[in-house]
Amino acid sequence: MKNKLFLLALSFLGFGVLALEKPNILIIYADDMGHGDISVMNPESKIPTPHLDTLAASGMRFDDGHSSSGICTPSR
């Protein structure tokens, strides 16, 4: 029984170390936001988005996502 608990504790410690090595992922899912509304996508945007611009500049950007629905129900 002690061996099983010891192995279980070691496995949790191992998962903690693996979690530190993986990148943080942030998904921003917004309803009714156009592709050019964020100024990092459209420098001529009328909406100031300095925090989103900083996030986009400091990480990876995946800007070609698609929804399986033609209407806004996935975000509601």
PDB file of N, CA and C in Angstrom:
ATOM      1  N   MET A   1       0.828  -1.188   0.000  1.00  0.00           N
ATOM      2  CA  MET A   1       0.000   0.000   0.000  1.00  0.00           C
ATOM      3  C   MET A   1       0.877   1.259   0.000  1.00  0.00           C
ATOM      4  N   LYS A   2       1.958   1.247   0.779  1.00  0.00           N
ATOM      5  CA  LYS A   2       2.846   2.402   0.835  1.00  0.00           C
ATOM      6  C   LYS A   2       3.520   2.640  -0.510  1.00  0.00           C
ATOM      7  N   ASN A   3       3.867   1.542  -1.187  1.00  0.00           N
ATOM      8  CA  ASN A   3       4.510   1.671  -2.494  1.00  0.00           C
ATOM      9  C   ASN A   3       3.577   2.339  -3.503  1.00  0.00           C
ATOM     10  N   LYS A   4       2.294   1.977  -3.451  1.00  0.00           N
ATOM     11  CA  LYS A   4       1.324   2.567  -4.371  1.00  0.00           C
ATOM     12  C   LYS A   4       1.152   4.053  -4.102  1.00  0.00           C
ATOM     13  N   LEU A   5       1.074   4.432  -2.832  1.00  0.00           N
ATOM     14  CA  LEU A   5       0.942   5.844  -2.490  1.00  0.00           C
ATOM     15  C   LEU A   5       2.191   6.627  -2.897  1.00  0.00           C
ATOM     16  N   PHE A   6       3.349   6.014  -2.704  1.00  0.00           N
ATOM     17  CA  PHE A   6       4.600   6.657  -3.084  1.00  0.00           C
ATOM     18  C   PHE A   6       4.655   6.886  -4.597  1.00  0.00           C
ATOM     19  N   LEU A   7       4.275   5.874  -5.374  1.00  0.00           N
ATOM     20  CA  LEU A   7       4.257   6.006  -6.830  1.00  0.00           C
ATOM     21  C   LEU A   7       3.226   7.041  -7.285  1.00  0.00           C
ATOM     22  N   LEU A   8       2.100   7.083  -6.607  1.00  0.00           N
ATOM     23  CA  LEU A   8       1.073   8.068  -6.936  1.00  0.00           C
ATOM     24  C   LEU A   8       1.587   9.485  -6.664  1.00  0.00           C
ATOM     25  N   ALA A   9       2.251   9.677  -5.544  1.00  0.00           N
ATOM     26  CA  ALA A   9       2.815  10.989  -5.206  1.00  0.00           C
ATOM     27  C   ALA A   9       3.890  11.386  -6.211  1.00  0.00           C
ATOM     28  N   LEU A  10       4.721  10.447  -6.606  1.00  0.00           N
ATOM     29  CA  LEU A  10       5.755  10.740  -7.611  1.00  0.00           C
ATOM     30  C   LEU A  10       5.147  11.121  -8.956  1.00  0.00           C
ATOM     31  N   SER A  11       4.063  10.450  -9.319  1.00  0.00           N
ATOM     32  CA  SER A  11       3.443  10.773 -10.608  1.00  0.00           C
ATOM     33  C   SER A  11       2.861  12.182 -10.587  1.00  0.00           C
ATOM     34  N   PHE A  12       2.277  12.597  -9.455  1.00  0.00           N
ATOM     35  CA  PHE A  12       1.753  13.961  -9.369  1.00  0.00           C
ATOM     36  C   PHE A  12       2.883  14.986  -9.419  1.00  0.00           C
ATOM     37  N   LEU A  13       4.001  14.693  -8.809  1.00  0.00           N
ATOM     38  CA  LEU A  13       5.143  15.599  -8.872  1.00  0.00           C
ATOM     39  C   LEU A  13       5.669  15.692 -10.296  1.00  0.00           C
ATOM     40  N   GLY A  14       5.675  14.585 -10.991  1.00  0.00           N
ATOM     41  CA  GLY A  14       6.116  14.576 -12.382  1.00  0.00           C
ATOM     42  C   GLY A  14       5.203  15.404 -13.270  1.00  0.00           C
ATOM     43  N   PHE A  15       3.888  15.330 -13.032  1.00  0.00           N
ATOM     44  CA  PHE A  15       2.951  16.135 -13.811  1.00  0.00           C
ATOM     45  C   PHE A  15       3.146  17.619 -13.526  1.00  0.00           C
ATOM     46  N   GLY A  16       3.492  17.960 -12.302  1.00  0.00           N
ATOM     47  CA  GLY A  16       3.751  19.360 -11.958  1.00  0.00           C
ATOM     48  C   GLY A  16       4.947  19.911 -12.700  1.00  0.00           C
ATOM     49  N   VAL A  17       5.990  19.107 -12.826  1.00  0.00           N
ATOM     50  CA  VAL A  17       7.182  19.542 -13.559  1.00  0.00           C
ATOM     51  C   VAL A  17       6.857  19.701 -15.036  1.00  0.00           C
ATOM     52  N   LEU A  18       6.085  18.772 -15.593  1.00  0.00           N
ATOM     53  CA  LEU A  18       5.693  18.869 -16.993  1.00  0.00           C
ATOM     54  C   LEU A  18       4.835  20.106 -17.235  1.00  0.00           C
ATOM     55  N   ALA A  19       3.976  20.442 -16.291  1.00  0.00           N
ATOM     56  CA  ALA A  19       3.112  21.609 -16.451  1.00  0.00           C
ATOM     57  C   ALA A  19       3.926  22.891 -16.482  1.00  0.00           C
ATOM     58  N   LEU A  20       5.051  22.933 -15.786  1.00  0.00           N
ATOM     59  CA  LEU A  20       5.880  24.130 -15.794  1.00  0.00           C
ATOM     60  C   LEU A  20       6.566  24.329 -17.137  1.00  0.00           C
ATOM     61  N   GLU A  21       6.807  23.262 -17.854  1.00  0.00           N
ATOM     62  CA  GLU A  21       7.517  23.351 -19.122  1.00  0.00           C
ATOM     63  C   GLU A  21       6.599  23.727 -20.280  1.00  0.00           C
ATOM     64  N   LYS A  22       5.304  23.501 -20.165  1.00  0.00           N
ATOM     65  CA  LYS A  22       4.377  23.774 -21.253  1.00  0.00           C
ATOM     66  C   LYS A  22       4.017  25.256 -21.283  1.00  0.00           C
ATOM     67  N   PRO A  23       3.678  25.769 -22.443  1.00  0.00           N
ATOM     68  CA  PRO A  23       3.336  27.200 -22.532  1.00  0.00           C
ATOM     69  C   PRO A  23       1.936  27.482 -21.994  1.00  0.00           C
ATOM     70  N   ASN A  24       1.732  28.708 -21.590  1.00  0.00           N
ATOM     71  CA  ASN A  24       0.395  29.150 -21.212  1.00  0.00           C
ATOM     72  C   ASN A  24      -0.380  29.434 -22.486  1.00  0.00           C
ATOM     73  N   ILE A  25      -1.653  29.075 -22.486  1.00  0.00           N
ATOM     74  CA  ILE A  25      -2.500  29.287 -23.653  1.00  0.00           C
ATOM     75  C   ILE A  25      -3.686  30.140 -23.242  1.00  0.00           C
ATOM     76  N   LEU A  26      -3.940  31.189 -23.999  1.00  0.00           N
ATOM     77  CA  LEU A  26      -5.056  32.077 -23.743  1.00  0.00           C
ATOM     78  C   LEU A  26      -5.903  32.135 -24.999  1.00  0.00           C
ATOM     79  N   ILE A  27      -7.172  31.769 -24.868  1.00  0.00           N
ATOM     80  CA  ILE A  27      -8.097  31.826 -25.987  1.00  0.00           C
ATOM     81  C   ILE A  27      -9.107  32.918 -25.692  1.00  0.00           C
ATOM     82  N   ILE A  28      -9.196  33.882 -26.577  1.00  0.00           N
ATOM     83  CA  ILE A  28     -10.178  34.957 -26.442  1.00  0.00           C
ATOM     84  C   ILE A  28     -11.259  34.696 -27.473  1.00  0.00           C
ATOM     85  N   TYR A  29     -12.428  34.407 -26.990  1.00  0.00           N
ATOM     86  CA  TYR A  29     -13.558  34.073 -27.861  1.00  0.00           C
ATOM     87  C   TYR A  29     -14.587  35.182 -27.700  1.00  0.00           C
ATOM     88  N   ALA A  30     -14.729  36.027 -28.702  1.00  0.00           N
ATOM     89  CA  ALA A  30     -15.603  37.191 -28.605  1.00  0.00           C
ATOM     90  C   ALA A  30     -16.716  37.116 -29.635  1.00  0.00           C
ATOM     91  N   ASP A  31     -17.895  37.506 -29.212  1.00  0.00           N
ATOM     92  CA  ASP A  31     -19.056  37.535 -30.083  1.00  0.00           C
ATOM     93  C   ASP A  31     -19.161  38.925 -30.728  1.00  0.00           C
ATOM     94  N   ASP A  32     -19.476  38.983 -31.987  1.00  0.00           N
ATOM     95  CA  ASP A  32     -19.678  40.235 -32.735  1.00  0.00           C
ATOM     96  C   ASP A  32     -18.423  41.087 -32.832  1.00  0.00           C
ATOM     97  N   MET A  33     -17.265  40.478 -32.849  1.00  0.00           N
ATOM     98  CA  MET A  33     -16.029  41.232 -33.050  1.00  0.00           C
ATOM     99  C   MET A  33     -15.524  40.912 -34.449  1.00  0.00           C
ATOM    100  N   GLY A  34     -15.305  41.951 -35.222  1.00  0.00           N
ATOM    101  CA  GLY A  34     -14.829  41.765 -36.586  1.00  0.00           C
ATOM    102  C   GLY A  34     -13.332  41.548 -36.629  1.00  0.00           C
ATOM    103  N   HIS A  35     -12.856  41.049 -37.751  1.00  0.00           N
ATOM    104  CA  HIS A  35     -11.422  40.763 -37.926  1.00  0.00           C
ATOM    105  C   HIS A  35     -10.582  42.027 -37.807  1.00  0.00           C
ATOM    106  N   GLY A  36     -11.104  43.158 -38.255  1.00  0.00           N
ATOM    107  CA  GLY A  36     -10.340  44.399 -38.234  1.00  0.00           C
ATOM    108  C   GLY A  36     -10.612  45.285 -37.037  1.00  0.00           C
ATOM    109  N   ASP A  37     -11.355  44.798 -36.044  1.00  0.00           N
ATOM    110  CA  ASP A  37     -11.667  45.617 -34.869  1.00  0.00           C
ATOM    111  C   ASP A  37     -10.473  45.797 -33.944  1.00  0.00           C
ATOM    112  N   ILE A  38      -9.579  44.827 -33.888  1.00  0.00           N
ATOM    113  CA  ILE A  38      -8.398  44.921 -33.038  1.00  0.00           C
ATOM    114  C   ILE A  38      -7.304  45.614 -33.843  1.00  0.00           C
ATOM    115  N   SER A  39      -6.651  46.583 -33.234  1.00  0.00           N
ATOM    116  CA  SER A  39      -5.688  47.381 -33.993  1.00  0.00           C
ATOM    117  C   SER A  39      -4.455  46.602 -34.432  1.00  0.00           C
ATOM    118  N   VAL A  40      -4.166  45.455 -33.810  1.00  0.00           N
ATOM    119  CA  VAL A  40      -3.034  44.645 -34.270  1.00  0.00           C
ATOM    120  C   VAL A  40      -3.356  43.992 -35.624  1.00  0.00           C
ATOM    121  N   MET A  41      -4.633  43.783 -35.908  1.00  0.00           N
ATOM    122  CA  MET A  41      -5.054  43.218 -37.194  1.00  0.00           C
ATOM    123  C   MET A  41      -5.298  44.308 -38.230  1.00  0.00           C
ATOM    124  N   ASN A  42      -5.659  45.486 -37.760  1.00  0.00           N
ATOM    125  CA  ASN A  42      -5.988  46.591 -38.645  1.00  0.00           C
ATOM    126  C   ASN A  42      -5.439  47.878 -38.031  1.00  0.00           C
ATOM    127  N   PRO A  43      -4.299  48.356 -38.477  1.00  0.00           N
ATOM    128  CA  PRO A  43      -3.712  49.568 -37.890  1.00  0.00           C
ATOM    129  C   PRO A  43      -4.610  50.796 -37.998  1.00  0.00           C
ATOM    130  N   GLU A  44      -5.587  50.792 -38.907  1.00  0.00           N
ATOM    131  CA  GLU A  44      -6.490  51.926 -39.066  1.00  0.00           C
ATOM    132  C   GLU A  44      -7.776  51.766 -38.256  1.00  0.00           C
ATOM    133  N   SER A  45      -7.813  50.833 -37.331  1.00  0.00           N
ATOM    134  CA  SER A  45      -8.999  50.593 -36.515  1.00  0.00           C
ATOM    135  C   SER A  45      -9.324  51.811 -35.661  1.00  0.00           C
ATOM    136  N   LYS A  46     -10.607  52.071 -35.486  1.00  0.00           N
ATOM    137  CA  LYS A  46     -11.053  53.198 -34.677  1.00  0.00           C
ATOM    138  C   LYS A  46     -11.135  52.832 -33.192  1.00  0.00           C
ATOM    139  N   ILE A  47     -10.957  51.558 -32.874  1.00  0.00           N
ATOM    140  CA  ILE A  47     -11.076  51.069 -31.497  1.00  0.00           C
ATOM    141  C   ILE A  47      -9.674  50.848 -30.933  1.00  0.00           C
ATOM    142  N   PRO A  48      -9.280  51.566 -29.882  1.00  0.00           N
ATOM    143  CA  PRO A  48      -7.955  51.330 -29.290  1.00  0.00           C
ATOM    144  C   PRO A  48      -7.950  50.040 -28.477  1.00  0.00           C
ATOM    145  N   THR A  49      -7.007  49.168 -28.771  1.00  0.00           N
ATOM    146  CA  THR A  49      -6.883  47.891 -28.049  1.00  0.00           C
ATOM    147  C   THR A  49      -5.435  47.672 -27.630  1.00  0.00           C
ATOM    148  N   PRO A  50      -4.884  48.517 -26.769  1.00  0.00           N
ATOM    149  CA  PRO A  50      -3.457  48.400 -26.435  1.00  0.00           C
ATOM    150  C   PRO A  50      -3.101  47.110 -25.701  1.00  0.00           C
ATOM    151  N   HIS A  51      -3.977  46.606 -24.843  1.00  0.00           N
ATOM    152  CA  HIS A  51      -3.662  45.389 -24.093  1.00  0.00           C
ATOM    153  C   HIS A  51      -3.687  44.155 -25.004  1.00  0.00           C
ATOM    154  N   LEU A  52      -4.664  44.092 -25.896  1.00  0.00           N
ATOM    155  CA  LEU A  52      -4.701  42.977 -26.847  1.00  0.00           C
ATOM    156  C   LEU A  52      -3.528  43.048 -27.817  1.00  0.00           C
ATOM    157  N   ASP A  53      -3.123  44.262 -28.187  1.00  0.00           N
ATOM    158  CA  ASP A  53      -1.954  44.424 -29.056  1.00  0.00           C
ATOM    159  C   ASP A  53      -0.689  43.918 -28.369  1.00  0.00           C
ATOM    160  N   THR A  54      -0.560  44.192 -27.072  1.00  0.00           N
ATOM    161  CA  THR A  54       0.601  43.720 -26.313  1.00  0.00           C
ATOM    162  C   THR A  54       0.610  42.200 -26.221  1.00  0.00           C
ATOM    163  N   LEU A  55      -0.564  41.605 -25.957  1.00  0.00           N
ATOM    164  CA  LEU A  55      -0.650  40.143 -25.915  1.00  0.00           C
ATOM    165  C   LEU A  55      -0.268  39.533 -27.263  1.00  0.00           C
ATOM    166  N   ALA A  56      -0.760  40.115 -28.341  1.00  0.00           N
ATOM    167  CA  ALA A  56      -0.468  39.582 -29.677  1.00  0.00           C
ATOM    168  C   ALA A  56       1.003  39.735 -30.030  1.00  0.00           C
ATOM    169  N   ALA A  57       1.619  40.825 -29.590  1.00  0.00           N
ATOM    170  CA  ALA A  57       3.022  41.060 -29.918  1.00  0.00           C
ATOM    171  C   ALA A  57       3.972  40.183 -29.108  1.00  0.00           C
ATOM    172  N   SER A  58       3.552  39.765 -27.928  1.00  0.00           N
ATOM    173  CA  SER A  58       4.460  39.012 -27.057  1.00  0.00           C
ATOM    174  C   SER A  58       4.299  37.501 -27.166  1.00  0.00           C
ATOM    175  N   GLY A  59       3.414  37.028 -28.033  1.00  0.00           N
ATOM    176  CA  GLY A  59       3.222  35.583 -28.135  1.00  0.00           C
ATOM    177  C   GLY A  59       2.924  35.159 -29.556  1.00  0.00           C
ATOM    178  N   MET A  60       2.359  33.977 -29.683  1.00  0.00           N
ATOM    179  CA  MET A  60       1.977  33.461 -30.997  1.00  0.00           C
ATOM    180  C   MET A  60       0.531  33.856 -31.259  1.00  0.00           C
ATOM    181  N   ARG A  61       0.217  34.071 -32.506  1.00  0.00           N
ATOM    182  CA  ARG A  61      -1.127  34.474 -32.892  1.00  0.00           C
ATOM    183  C   ARG A  61      -1.674  33.485 -33.897  1.00  0.00           C
ATOM    184  N   PHE A  62      -2.852  32.969 -33.635  1.00  0.00           N
ATOM    185  CA  PHE A  62      -3.559  32.105 -34.576  1.00  0.00           C
ATOM    186  C   PHE A  62      -4.832  32.843 -34.956  1.00  0.00           C
ATOM    187  N   ASP A  63      -4.851  33.452 -36.127  1.00  0.00           N
ATOM    188  CA  ASP A  63      -5.971  34.318 -36.478  1.00  0.00           C
ATOM    189  C   ASP A  63      -6.802  33.786 -37.646  1.00  0.00           C
ATOM    190  N   ASP A  64      -6.870  32.479 -37.779  1.00  0.00           N
ATOM    191  CA  ASP A  64      -7.692  31.886 -38.835  1.00  0.00           C
ATOM    192  C   ASP A  64      -8.527  30.761 -38.235  1.00  0.00           C
ATOM    193  N   GLY A  65      -9.364  31.108 -37.267  1.00  0.00           N
ATOM    194  CA  GLY A  65     -10.226  30.117 -36.621  1.00  0.00           C
ATOM    195  C   GLY A  65     -11.616  30.144 -37.232  1.00  0.00           C
ATOM    196  N   HIS A  66     -12.300  29.027 -37.187  1.00  0.00           N
ATOM    197  CA  HIS A  66     -13.624  28.929 -37.789  1.00  0.00           C
ATOM    198  C   HIS A  66     -14.585  28.247 -36.822  1.00  0.00           C
ATOM    199  N   SER A  67     -15.829  28.631 -36.906  1.00  0.00           N
ATOM    200  CA  SER A  67     -16.882  28.028 -36.098  1.00  0.00           C
ATOM    201  C   SER A  67     -17.690  27.091 -36.981  1.00  0.00           C
ATOM    202  N   SER A  68     -18.274  26.099 -36.377  1.00  0.00           N
ATOM    203  CA  SER A  68     -19.072  25.145 -37.153  1.00  0.00           C
ATOM    204  C   SER A  68     -20.500  25.633 -37.366  1.00  0.00           C
ATOM    205  N   SER A  69     -20.786  26.846 -36.917  1.00  0.00           N
ATOM    206  CA  SER A  69     -22.137  27.384 -37.039  1.00  0.00           C
ATOM    207  C   SER A  69     -22.102  28.705 -37.810  1.00  0.00           C
ATOM    208  N   GLY A  70     -23.105  28.933 -38.585  1.00  0.00           N
ATOM    209  CA  GLY A  70     -23.188  30.158 -39.354  1.00  0.00           C
ATOM    210  C   GLY A  70     -23.783  31.319 -38.578  1.00  0.00           C
ATOM    211  N   ILE A  71     -24.257  31.062 -37.380  1.00  0.00           N
ATOM    212  CA  ILE A  71     -24.845  32.114 -36.548  1.00  0.00           C
ATOM    213  C   ILE A  71     -24.087  32.183 -35.218  1.00  0.00           C
ATOM    214  N   CYS A  72     -24.466  33.054 -34.328  1.00  0.00           N
ATOM    215  CA  CYS A  72     -23.690  33.320 -33.111  1.00  0.00           C
ATOM    216  C   CYS A  72     -23.960  32.358 -31.955  1.00  0.00           C
ATOM    217  N   THR A  73     -24.662  31.263 -32.154  1.00  0.00           N
ATOM    218  CA  THR A  73     -24.986  30.368 -31.038  1.00  0.00           C
ATOM    219  C   THR A  73     -23.768  29.748 -30.345  1.00  0.00           C
ATOM    220  N   PRO A  74     -22.616  29.478 -31.000  1.00  0.00           N
ATOM    221  CA  PRO A  74     -21.503  28.889 -30.253  1.00  0.00           C
ATOM    222  C   PRO A  74     -20.978  29.789 -29.131  1.00  0.00           C
ATOM    223  N   SER A  75     -21.134  31.096 -29.257  1.00  0.00           N
ATOM    224  CA  SER A  75     -20.606  31.993 -28.231  1.00  0.00           C
ATOM    225  C   SER A  75     -21.650  32.338 -27.169  1.00  0.00           C
ATOM    226  N   ARG A  76     -22.820  31.819 -27.267  1.00  0.00           N
ATOM    227  CA  ARG A  76     -23.857  32.193 -26.286  1.00  0.00           C
ATOM    228  C   ARG A  76     -24.260  31.045 -25.460  1.00  0.00           C
TER     229      ARG A  76
END
